[in-house]
Amino acid sequence: MSVTQQFLLDSYRAAQHGGPTPPAPGQHDWQAVREVRDYGRFRAVLAERPARGRVRAALARLTRGSVVRTPRPLP
């Protein structure tokens, strides 16, 4: 059964019993993403790590360390 079919079945059952209809699928997806992000920041603070910019700083360290800089020859 797909998500849409389950939503339609739940809506039908709610209408039969006089209850509120359930939220549409995908309606609260961004809220869930924000909550996961906030939880990660909270855990970082508890572990005494920076709460913001961790991924960007890690990528900068990786790229800075992997780039081999060779001096240009003098003309």
Foldseek 3Di string as FASTA:
>chain_A
DDLVVVLVVQQVVCVVVVHDRDDRPPPCPVVVVVVVLVVQLVVCVVVVHHSPDPVVVVVVVVVVVVDDDDDDDDD
